[in-house]
All heavy atoms as atom14 arrays in JSON, in Angstrom:
{
  "sequence": "LQGEVVRLKSGTVMAEVEVKVQAGTVVAAITDASLKRLKLMTGDK",
  "atom14_mask": [
    [1, 1, 1, 1, 1, 1, 1, 1, 0, 0, 0, 0, 0, 0],
    [1, 1, 1, 1, 1, 1, 1, 1, 1, 0, 0, 0, 0, 0],
    [1, 1, 1, 1, 0, 0, 0, 0, 0, 0, 0, 0, 0, 0],
    [1, 1, 1, 1, 1, 1, 1, 1, 1, 0, 0, 0, 0, 0],
    [1, 1, 1, 1, 1, 1, 1, 0, 0, 0, 0, 0, 0, 0],
    [1, 1, 1, 1, 1, 1, 1, 0, 0, 0, 0, 0, 0, 0],
    [1, 1, 1, 1, 1, 1, 1, 1, 1, 1, 1, 0, 0, 0],
    [1, 1, 1, 1, 1, 1, 1, 1, 0, 0, 0, 0, 0, 0],
    [1, 1, 1, 1, 1, 1, 1, 1, 1, 0, 0, 0, 0, 0],
    [1, 1, 1, 1, 1, 1, 0, 0, 0, 0, 0, 0, 0, 0],
    [1, 1, 1, 1, 0, 0, 0, 0, 0, 0, 0, 0, 0, 0],
    [1, 1, 1, 1, 1, 1, 1, 0, 0, 0, 0, 0, 0, 0],
    [1, 1, 1, 1, 1, 1, 1, 0, 0, 0, 0, 0, 0, 0],
    [1, 1, 1, 1, 1, 1, 1, 1, 0, 0, 0, 0, 0, 0],
    [1, 1, 1, 1, 1, 0, 0, 0, 0, 0, 0, 0, 0, 0],
    [1, 1, 1, 1, 1, 1, 1, 1, 1, 0, 0, 0, 0, 0],
    [1, 1, 1, 1, 1, 1, 1, 0, 0, 0, 0, 0, 0, 0],
    [1, 1, 1, 1, 1, 1, 1, 1, 1, 0, 0, 0, 0, 0],
    [1, 1, 1, 1, 1, 1, 1, 0, 0, 0, 0, 0, 0, 0],
    [1, 1, 1, 1, 1, 1, 1, 1, 1, 0, 0, 0, 0, 0],
    [1, 1, 1, 1, 1, 1, 1, 0, 0, 0, 0, 0, 0, 0],
    [1, 1, 1, 1, 1, 1, 1, 1, 1, 0, 0, 0, 0, 0],
    [1, 1, 1, 1, 1, 0, 0, 0, 0, 0, 0, 0, 0, 0],
    [1, 1, 1, 1, 0, 0, 0, 0, 0, 0, 0, 0, 0, 0],
    [1, 1, 1, 1, 1, 1, 1, 0, 0, 0, 0, 0, 0, 0],
    [1, 1, 1, 1, 1, 1, 1, 0, 0, 0, 0, 0, 0, 0],
    [1, 1, 1, 1, 1, 1, 1, 0, 0, 0, 0, 0, 0, 0],
    [1, 1, 1, 1, 1, 0, 0, 0, 0, 0, 0, 0, 0, 0],
    [1, 1, 1, 1, 1, 0, 0, 0, 0, 0, 0, 0, 0, 0],
    [1, 1, 1, 1, 1, 1, 1, 1, 0, 0, 0, 0, 0, 0],
    [1, 1, 1, 1, 1, 1, 1, 0, 0, 0, 0, 0, 0, 0],
    [1, 1, 1, 1, 1, 1, 1, 1, 0, 0, 0, 0, 0, 0],
    [1, 1, 1, 1, 1, 0, 0, 0, 0, 0, 0, 0, 0, 0],
    [1, 1, 1, 1, 1, 1, 0, 0, 0, 0, 0, 0, 0, 0],
    [1, 1, 1, 1, 1, 1, 1, 1, 0, 0, 0, 0, 0, 0],
    [1, 1, 1, 1, 1, 1, 1, 1, 1, 0, 0, 0, 0, 0],
    [1, 1, 1, 1, 1, 1, 1, 1, 1, 1, 1, 0, 0, 0],
    [1, 1, 1, 1, 1, 1, 1, 1, 0, 0, 0, 0, 0, 0],
    [1, 1, 1, 1, 1, 1, 1, 1, 1, 0, 0, 0, 0, 0],
    [1, 1, 1, 1, 1, 1, 1, 1, 0, 0, 0, 0, 0, 0],
    [1, 1, 1, 1, 1, 1, 1, 1, 0, 0, 0, 0, 0, 0],
    [1, 1, 1, 1, 1, 1, 1, 0, 0, 0, 0, 0, 0, 0],
    [1, 1, 1, 1, 0, 0, 0, 0, 0, 0, 0, 0, 0, 0],
    [1, 1, 1, 1, 1, 1, 1, 1, 0, 0, 0, 0, 0, 0],
    [1, 1, 1, 1, 1, 1, 1, 1, 1, 0, 0, 0, 0, 0]
  ],
  "atom14_positions": [
    [[126.55, -39.69, -67.49], [125.81, -39.53, -66.2], [126.07, -40.73, -65.28], [125.78, -41.81, -65.74], [124.31, -39.29, -66.45], [124.04, -38.21, -67.5], [122.56, -38.23, -67.81], [124.4, -36.84, -66.9], [0.0, 0.0, 0.0], [0.0, 0.0, 0.0], [0.0, 0.0, 0.0], [0.0, 0.0, 0.0], [0.0, 0.0, 0.0], [0.0, 0.0, 0.0]],
    [[126.63, -40.53, -64.19], [126.75, -41.49, -63.16], [125.45, -41.82, -62.5], [124.69, -40.9, -62.13], [127.82, -41.16, -62.14], [129.16, -40.82, -62.74], [129.77, -41.94, -63.59], [129.81, -43.09, -63.1], [130.29, -41.57, -64.7], [0.0, 0.0, 0.0], [0.0, 0.0, 0.0], [0.0, 0.0, 0.0], [0.0, 0.0, 0.0], [0.0, 0.0, 0.0]],
    [[125.09, -43.04, -62.3], [123.87, -43.41, -61.63], [123.81, -44.82, -61.19], [124.71, -45.51, -61.09], [0.0, 0.0, 0.0], [0.0, 0.0, 0.0], [0.0, 0.0, 0.0], [0.0, 0.0, 0.0], [0.0, 0.0, 0.0], [0.0, 0.0, 0.0], [0.0, 0.0, 0.0], [0.0, 0.0, 0.0], [0.0, 0.0, 0.0], [0.0, 0.0, 0.0]],
    [[122.57, -45.22, -60.7], [122.3, -46.49, -60.13], [121.12, -47.08, -60.78], [120.07, -46.52, -61.02], [122.06, -46.33, -58.69], [121.81, -47.63, -57.92], [121.53, -47.5, -56.42], [122.11, -46.46, -55.89], [120.76, -48.32, -55.79], [0.0, 0.0, 0.0], [0.0, 0.0, 0.0], [0.0, 0.0, 0.0], [0.0, 0.0, 0.0], [0.0, 0.0, 0.0]],
    [[121.2, -48.32, -61.11], [120.04, -49.01, -61.74], [118.98, -49.27, -60.7], [119.26, -49.79, -59.71], [120.49, -50.46, -62.32], [119.3, -51.21, -62.81], [121.63, -50.32, -63.36], [0.0, 0.0, 0.0], [0.0, 0.0, 0.0], [0.0, 0.0, 0.0], [0.0, 0.0, 0.0], [0.0, 0.0, 0.0], [0.0, 0.0, 0.0], [0.0, 0.0, 0.0]],
    [[117.78, -48.71, -61.07], [116.68, -48.9, -60.09], [115.53, -49.85, -60.62], [114.7, -50.36, -59.75], [116.08, -47.52, -59.74], [117.05, -46.62, -58.96], [115.55, -46.8, -60.95], [0.0, 0.0, 0.0], [0.0, 0.0, 0.0], [0.0, 0.0, 0.0], [0.0, 0.0, 0.0], [0.0, 0.0, 0.0], [0.0, 0.0, 0.0], [0.0, 0.0, 0.0]],
    [[115.58, -50.14, -61.85], [114.5, -51.0, -62.42], [114.94, -51.74, -63.71], [115.55, -51.05, -64.51], [113.19, -50.3, -62.62], [112.0, -51.21, -63.04], [110.74, -50.39, -63.18], [110.83, -49.58, -64.39], [110.55, -49.98, -65.67], [110.22, -51.13, -65.85], [110.64, -49.11, -66.63], [0.0, 0.0, 0.0], [0.0, 0.0, 0.0], [0.0, 0.0, 0.0]],
    [[114.7, -52.98, -63.84], [114.98, -53.63, -65.05], [113.71, -54.4, -65.52], [112.96, -54.91, -64.74], [116.1, -54.72, -64.79], [117.44, -54.26, -64.37], [118.32, -55.38, -63.83], [118.14, -53.63, -65.49], [0.0, 0.0, 0.0], [0.0, 0.0, 0.0], [0.0, 0.0, 0.0], [0.0, 0.0, 0.0], [0.0, 0.0, 0.0], [0.0, 0.0, 0.0]],
    [[113.45, -54.23, -66.87], [112.33, -55.07, -67.42], [112.78, -55.71, -68.63], [113.13, -55.18, -69.6], [111.23, -53.89, -67.73], [109.96, -54.62, -68.32], [108.85, -53.54, -68.67], [107.64, -54.15, -69.3], [106.78, -53.15, -69.73], [0.0, 0.0, 0.0], [0.0, 0.0, 0.0], [0.0, 0.0, 0.0], [0.0, 0.0, 0.0], [0.0, 0.0, 0.0]],
    [[112.86, -57.04, -68.47], [113.41, -57.9, -69.55], [112.26, -58.39, -70.41], [111.23, -58.69, -69.92], [114.13, -59.09, -68.95], [114.68, -59.86, -69.92], [0.0, 0.0, 0.0], [0.0, 0.0, 0.0], [0.0, 0.0, 0.0], [0.0, 0.0, 0.0], [0.0, 0.0, 0.0], [0.0, 0.0, 0.0], [0.0, 0.0, 0.0], [0.0, 0.0, 0.0]],
    [[112.54, -58.29, -71.8], [111.53, -58.85, -72.72], [112.12, -59.94, -73.59], [113.19, -60.48, -73.28], [0.0, 0.0, 0.0], [0.0, 0.0, 0.0], [0.0, 0.0, 0.0], [0.0, 0.0, 0.0], [0.0, 0.0, 0.0], [0.0, 0.0, 0.0], [0.0, 0.0, 0.0], [0.0, 0.0, 0.0], [0.0, 0.0, 0.0], [0.0, 0.0, 0.0]],
    [[111.43, -60.35, -74.61], [111.87, -61.34, -75.47], [113.16, -60.88, -76.25], [114.14, -61.66, -76.35], [110.85, -61.74, -76.54], [109.63, -62.07, -75.78], [111.2, -62.93, -77.31], [0.0, 0.0, 0.0], [0.0, 0.0, 0.0], [0.0, 0.0, 0.0], [0.0, 0.0, 0.0], [0.0, 0.0, 0.0], [0.0, 0.0, 0.0], [0.0, 0.0, 0.0]],
    [[113.16, -59.69, -76.75], [114.21, -59.21, -77.61], [114.89, -57.97, -76.95], [116.13, -57.8, -76.85], [113.75, -58.9, -78.99], [114.88, -58.22, -79.76], [113.2, -60.08, -79.59], [0.0, 0.0, 0.0], [0.0, 0.0, 0.0], [0.0, 0.0, 0.0], [0.0, 0.0, 0.0], [0.0, 0.0, 0.0], [0.0, 0.0, 0.0], [0.0, 0.0, 0.0]],
    [[114.04, -57.08, -76.36], [114.54, -55.82, -75.82], [114.3, -55.76, -74.31], [113.44, -56.48, -73.77], [113.87, -54.52, -76.46], [114.08, -54.46, -77.95], [115.88, -54.16, -78.39], [115.98, -52.52, -77.74], [0.0, 0.0, 0.0], [0.0, 0.0, 0.0], [0.0, 0.0, 0.0], [0.0, 0.0, 0.0], [0.0, 0.0, 0.0], [0.0, 0.0, 0.0]],
    [[115.1, -54.96, -73.69], [114.91, -54.7, -72.23], [115.0, -53.19, -71.96], [115.52, -52.44, -72.67], [116.15, -55.42, -71.53], [0.0, 0.0, 0.0], [0.0, 0.0, 0.0], [0.0, 0.0, 0.0], [0.0, 0.0, 0.0], [0.0, 0.0, 0.0], [0.0, 0.0, 0.0], [0.0, 0.0, 0.0], [0.0, 0.0, 0.0], [0.0, 0.0, 0.0]],
    [[114.36, -52.72, -70.82], [114.41, -51.49, -70.4], [115.23, -51.44, -69.07], [115.05, -52.19, -68.19], [113.04, -50.86, -69.98], [112.18, -50.59, -71.22], [110.83, -49.95, -70.84], [110.62, -49.77, -69.72], [110.04, -49.74, -71.8], [0.0, 0.0, 0.0], [0.0, 0.0, 0.0], [0.0, 0.0, 0.0], [0.0, 0.0, 0.0], [0.0, 0.0, 0.0]],
    [[116.13, -50.47, -69.02], [116.98, -50.25, -67.88], [116.78, -48.81, -67.37], [116.94, -47.88, -68.02], [118.47, -50.37, -68.16], [119.33, -50.2, -66.96], [118.74, -51.73, -68.9], [0.0, 0.0, 0.0], [0.0, 0.0, 0.0], [0.0, 0.0, 0.0], [0.0, 0.0, 0.0], [0.0, 0.0, 0.0], [0.0, 0.0, 0.0], [0.0, 0.0, 0.0]],
    [[116.25, -48.67, -66.21], [115.95, -47.41, -65.52], [117.02, -47.09, -64.54], [117.32, -47.91, -63.68], [114.57, -47.41, -64.78], [114.16, -46.1, -64.24], [112.79, -46.13, -63.66], [111.91, -46.95, -64.16], [112.56, -45.39, -62.66], [0.0, 0.0, 0.0], [0.0, 0.0, 0.0], [0.0, 0.0, 0.0], [0.0, 0.0, 0.0], [0.0, 0.0, 0.0]],
    [[117.63, -45.88, -64.86], [118.83, -45.52, -63.99], [118.51, -44.22, -63.31], [118.15, -43.19, -63.98], [120.07, -45.38, -64.9], [121.21, -44.91, -64.11], [120.33, -46.67, -65.63], [0.0, 0.0, 0.0], [0.0, 0.0, 0.0], [0.0, 0.0, 0.0], [0.0, 0.0, 0.0], [0.0, 0.0, 0.0], [0.0, 0.0, 0.0], [0.0, 0.0, 0.0]],
    [[118.72, -44.17, -62.02], [118.59, -42.85, -61.23], [119.85, -42.13, -61.35], [120.93, -42.63, -60.91], [118.19, -43.2, -59.77], [117.95, -41.96, -59.03], [117.5, -42.32, -57.54], [117.11, -41.09, -56.81], [118.13, -40.61, -55.94], [0.0, 0.0, 0.0], [0.0, 0.0, 0.0], [0.0, 0.0, 0.0], [0.0, 0.0, 0.0], [0.0, 0.0, 0.0]],
    [[119.8, -40.91, -61.86], [120.91, -40.0, -61.93], [120.68, -38.74, -61.12], [119.57, -38.61, -60.72], [121.31, -39.65, -63.46], [121.66, -40.91, -64.29], [120.11, -38.95, -64.1], [0.0, 0.0, 0.0], [0.0, 0.0, 0.0], [0.0, 0.0, 0.0], [0.0, 0.0, 0.0], [0.0, 0.0, 0.0], [0.0, 0.0, 0.0], [0.0, 0.0, 0.0]],
    [[121.68, -37.87, -60.96], [121.47, -36.74, -60.14], [120.31, -35.89, -60.6], [119.53, -35.39, -59.81], [122.76, -35.94, -60.14], [122.59, -34.73, -59.19], [123.91, -33.91, -59.12], [124.87, -34.24, -59.89], [123.93, -32.88, -58.33], [0.0, 0.0, 0.0], [0.0, 0.0, 0.0], [0.0, 0.0, 0.0], [0.0, 0.0, 0.0], [0.0, 0.0, 0.0]],
    [[120.12, -35.72, -61.87], [119.07, -34.84, -62.47], [117.72, -35.52, -62.49], [116.67, -34.84, -62.77], [119.53, -34.36, -63.83], [0.0, 0.0, 0.0], [0.0, 0.0, 0.0], [0.0, 0.0, 0.0], [0.0, 0.0, 0.0], [0.0, 0.0, 0.0], [0.0, 0.0, 0.0], [0.0, 0.0, 0.0], [0.0, 0.0, 0.0], [0.0, 0.0, 0.0]],
    [[117.63, -36.84, -62.22], [116.29, -37.47, -62.35], [116.48, -38.96, -62.68], [117.3, -39.63, -62.14], [0.0, 0.0, 0.0], [0.0, 0.0, 0.0], [0.0, 0.0, 0.0], [0.0, 0.0, 0.0], [0.0, 0.0, 0.0], [0.0, 0.0, 0.0], [0.0, 0.0, 0.0], [0.0, 0.0, 0.0], [0.0, 0.0, 0.0], [0.0, 0.0, 0.0]],
    [[115.72, -39.4, -63.71], [115.75, -40.75, -64.17], [115.97, -40.79, -65.68], [115.4, -40.04, -66.35], [114.43, -41.48, -63.73], [114.29, -41.36, -62.39], [114.47, -42.9, -64.12], [0.0, 0.0, 0.0], [0.0, 0.0, 0.0], [0.0, 0.0, 0.0], [0.0, 0.0, 0.0], [0.0, 0.0, 0.0], [0.0, 0.0, 0.0], [0.0, 0.0, 0.0]],
    [[116.75, -41.8, -66.08], [116.96, -42.05, -67.51], [116.56, -43.47, -67.77], [116.88, -44.33, -66.95], [118.42, -41.87, -67.86], [118.68, -42.3, -69.4], [118.92, -40.48, -67.62], [0.0, 0.0, 0.0], [0.0, 0.0, 0.0], [0.0, 0.0, 0.0], [0.0, 0.0, 0.0], [0.0, 0.0, 0.0], [0.0, 0.0, 0.0], [0.0, 0.0, 0.0]],
    [[115.79, -43.75, -68.8], [115.38, -45.11, -69.22], [115.97, -45.37, -70.54], [115.9, -44.62, -71.53], [113.83, -45.26, -69.26], [113.43, -46.64, -69.76], [113.18, -44.87, -67.98], [0.0, 0.0, 0.0], [0.0, 0.0, 0.0], [0.0, 0.0, 0.0], [0.0, 0.0, 0.0], [0.0, 0.0, 0.0], [0.0, 0.0, 0.0], [0.0, 0.0, 0.0]],
    [[116.74, -46.44, -70.58], [117.51, -46.87, -71.79], [116.84, -48.18, -72.33], [116.49, -49.1, -71.51], [118.92, -47.05, -71.56], [0.0, 0.0, 0.0], [0.0, 0.0, 0.0], [0.0, 0.0, 0.0], [0.0, 0.0, 0.0], [0.0, 0.0, 0.0], [0.0, 0.0, 0.0], [0.0, 0.0, 0.0], [0.0, 0.0, 0.0], [0.0, 0.0, 0.0]],
    [[116.61, -48.25, -73.7], [116.16, -49.52, -74.25], [117.45, -50.2, -74.86], [118.16, -49.59, -75.68], [115.19, -49.27, -75.32], [0.0, 0.0, 0.0], [0.0, 0.0, 0.0], [0.0, 0.0, 0.0], [0.0, 0.0, 0.0], [0.0, 0.0, 0.0], [0.0, 0.0, 0.0], [0.0, 0.0, 0.0], [0.0, 0.0, 0.0], [0.0, 0.0, 0.0]],
    [[117.73, -51.43, -74.37], [118.8, -52.08, -74.8], [118.42, -53.48, -75.23], [117.28, -53.97, -74.89], [120.02, -52.28, -73.83], [119.61, -52.98, -72.6], [120.48, -50.86, -73.4], [120.73, -53.24, -71.6], [0.0, 0.0, 0.0], [0.0, 0.0, 0.0], [0.0, 0.0, 0.0], [0.0, 0.0, 0.0], [0.0, 0.0, 0.0], [0.0, 0.0, 0.0]],
    [[119.24, -54.29, -75.92], [118.81, -55.69, -76.26], [118.82, -56.56, -74.99], [119.61, -56.25, -74.07], [119.78, -56.32, -77.3], [121.05, -56.38, -76.77], [119.71, -55.47, -78.61], [0.0, 0.0, 0.0], [0.0, 0.0, 0.0], [0.0, 0.0, 0.0], [0.0, 0.0, 0.0], [0.0, 0.0, 0.0], [0.0, 0.0, 0.0], [0.0, 0.0, 0.0]],
    [[118.08, -57.48, -75.0], [117.98, -58.43, -73.87], [119.3, -59.2, -73.7], [119.77, -59.42, -72.59], [116.81, -59.35, -73.96], [116.46, -60.0, -72.62], [116.14, -59.26, -71.72], [116.53, -61.23, -72.47], [0.0, 0.0, 0.0], [0.0, 0.0, 0.0], [0.0, 0.0, 0.0], [0.0, 0.0, 0.0], [0.0, 0.0, 0.0], [0.0, 0.0, 0.0]],
    [[119.93, -59.36, -74.82], [121.25, -60.03, -74.88], [122.25, -59.21, -74.16], [123.11, -59.75, -73.37], [121.67, -60.38, -76.25], [0.0, 0.0, 0.0], [0.0, 0.0, 0.0], [0.0, 0.0, 0.0], [0.0, 0.0, 0.0], [0.0, 0.0, 0.0], [0.0, 0.0, 0.0], [0.0, 0.0, 0.0], [0.0, 0.0, 0.0], [0.0, 0.0, 0.0]],
    [[122.25, -57.83, -74.41], [123.16, -56.91, -73.72], [122.91, -56.87, -72.18], [123.86, -56.76, -71.46], [123.01, -55.49, -74.3], [123.54, -55.5, -75.64], [0.0, 0.0, 0.0], [0.0, 0.0, 0.0], [0.0, 0.0, 0.0], [0.0, 0.0, 0.0], [0.0, 0.0, 0.0], [0.0, 0.0, 0.0], [0.0, 0.0, 0.0], [0.0, 0.0, 0.0]],
    [[121.6, -56.92, -71.88], [121.35, -56.94, -70.37], [121.94, -58.15, -69.78], [122.62, -58.01, -68.69], [119.79, -56.96, -70.23], [119.24, -57.13, -68.82], [119.45, -55.78, -68.05], [117.76, -57.5, -68.82], [0.0, 0.0, 0.0], [0.0, 0.0, 0.0], [0.0, 0.0, 0.0], [0.0, 0.0, 0.0], [0.0, 0.0, 0.0], [0.0, 0.0, 0.0]],
    [[121.89, -59.25, -70.4], [122.55, -60.52, -69.88], [124.02, -60.45, -69.91], [124.72, -60.82, -68.92], [121.97, -61.71, -70.58], [120.45, -61.96, -70.27], [119.93, -63.11, -71.07], [118.45, -63.28, -70.78], [117.7, -63.94, -71.71], [0.0, 0.0, 0.0], [0.0, 0.0, 0.0], [0.0, 0.0, 0.0], [0.0, 0.0, 0.0], [0.0, 0.0, 0.0]],
    [[124.59, -59.97, -71.02], [126.04, -59.97, -71.14], [126.63, -58.99, -70.15], [127.69, -59.3, -69.56], [126.42, -59.42, -72.53], [127.92, -59.37, -72.85], [128.18, -58.94, -74.27], [127.46, -57.87, -74.75], [127.84, -56.56, -74.53], [128.92, -56.29, -73.79], [127.13, -55.52, -74.97], [0.0, 0.0, 0.0], [0.0, 0.0, 0.0], [0.0, 0.0, 0.0]],
    [[126.03, -57.87, -69.81], [126.43, -56.92, -68.88], [126.22, -57.34, -67.39], [126.76, -56.81, -66.53], [125.92, -55.55, -69.11], [126.36, -54.75, -70.38], [125.51, -53.57, -70.6], [127.84, -54.43, -70.3], [0.0, 0.0, 0.0], [0.0, 0.0, 0.0], [0.0, 0.0, 0.0], [0.0, 0.0, 0.0], [0.0, 0.0, 0.0], [0.0, 0.0, 0.0]],
    [[125.39, -58.4, -67.31], [124.97, -58.87, -65.9], [124.39, -57.78, -65.15], [124.78, -57.63, -63.93], [126.13, -59.58, -65.3], [126.63, -60.78, -66.05], [127.85, -61.41, -65.45], [128.27, -62.62, -66.3], [129.69, -62.81, -66.38], [0.0, 0.0, 0.0], [0.0, 0.0, 0.0], [0.0, 0.0, 0.0], [0.0, 0.0, 0.0], [0.0, 0.0, 0.0]],
    [[123.59, -56.85, -65.75], [123.02, -55.77, -64.98], [122.09, -56.32, -63.84], [121.2, -57.14, -64.12], [122.34, -54.85, -65.91], [123.22, -53.96, -66.75], [122.41, -53.16, -67.83], [124.08, -53.05, -65.93], [0.0, 0.0, 0.0], [0.0, 0.0, 0.0], [0.0, 0.0, 0.0], [0.0, 0.0, 0.0], [0.0, 0.0, 0.0], [0.0, 0.0, 0.0]],
    [[122.12, -55.61, -62.72], [121.23, -55.99, -61.65], [120.82, -54.63, -60.95], [121.53, -53.65, -61.02], [121.86, -56.91, -60.62], [122.31, -58.23, -61.21], [123.26, -59.32, -60.04], [122.35, -59.07, -58.49], [0.0, 0.0, 0.0], [0.0, 0.0, 0.0], [0.0, 0.0, 0.0], [0.0, 0.0, 0.0], [0.0, 0.0, 0.0], [0.0, 0.0, 0.0]],
    [[119.59, -54.71, -60.34], [119.18, -53.5, -59.53], [120.18, -53.14, -58.52], [120.72, -54.07, -57.87], [117.76, -53.8, -58.99], [116.9, -54.09, -59.96], [117.3, -52.64, -58.14], [0.0, 0.0, 0.0], [0.0, 0.0, 0.0], [0.0, 0.0, 0.0], [0.0, 0.0, 0.0], [0.0, 0.0, 0.0], [0.0, 0.0, 0.0], [0.0, 0.0, 0.0]],
    [[120.57, -51.85, -58.38], [121.6, -51.51, -57.39], [122.98, -51.27, -58.01], [123.8, -50.73, -57.36], [0.0, 0.0, 0.0], [0.0, 0.0, 0.0], [0.0, 0.0, 0.0], [0.0, 0.0, 0.0], [0.0, 0.0, 0.0], [0.0, 0.0, 0.0], [0.0, 0.0, 0.0], [0.0, 0.0, 0.0], [0.0, 0.0, 0.0], [0.0, 0.0, 0.0]],
    [[123.15, -51.76, -59.22], [124.43, -51.67, -59.82], [124.76, -50.16, -60.16], [123.87, -49.36, -60.54], [124.5, -52.4, -61.21], [124.8, -53.85, -61.09], [124.98, -54.33, -60.01], [124.65, -54.58, -62.13], [0.0, 0.0, 0.0], [0.0, 0.0, 0.0], [0.0, 0.0, 0.0], [0.0, 0.0, 0.0], [0.0, 0.0, 0.0], [0.0, 0.0, 0.0]],
    [[126.01, -49.71, -59.91], [126.46, -48.38, -60.31], [126.81, -48.5, -61.73], [127.64, -49.4, -62.19], [127.59, -47.92, -59.44], [127.38, -48.0, -58.02], [126.34, -46.94, -57.61], [126.21, -46.92, -56.01], [124.94, -46.33, -55.6], [0.0, 0.0, 0.0], [0.0, 0.0, 0.0], [0.0, 0.0, 0.0], [0.0, 0.0, 0.0], [0.0, 0.0, 0.0]]
  ]
}
């Protein structure tokens, strides 16, 4: 699903990434290290 990052919540170990897609919103739990490695920012496609 193609989408846009609308919210990031970084924690000690895990992070939540909220992505707006055509059908609604998807929230993914990823490691905080992956969040940093991918350099995810609000507005990213």
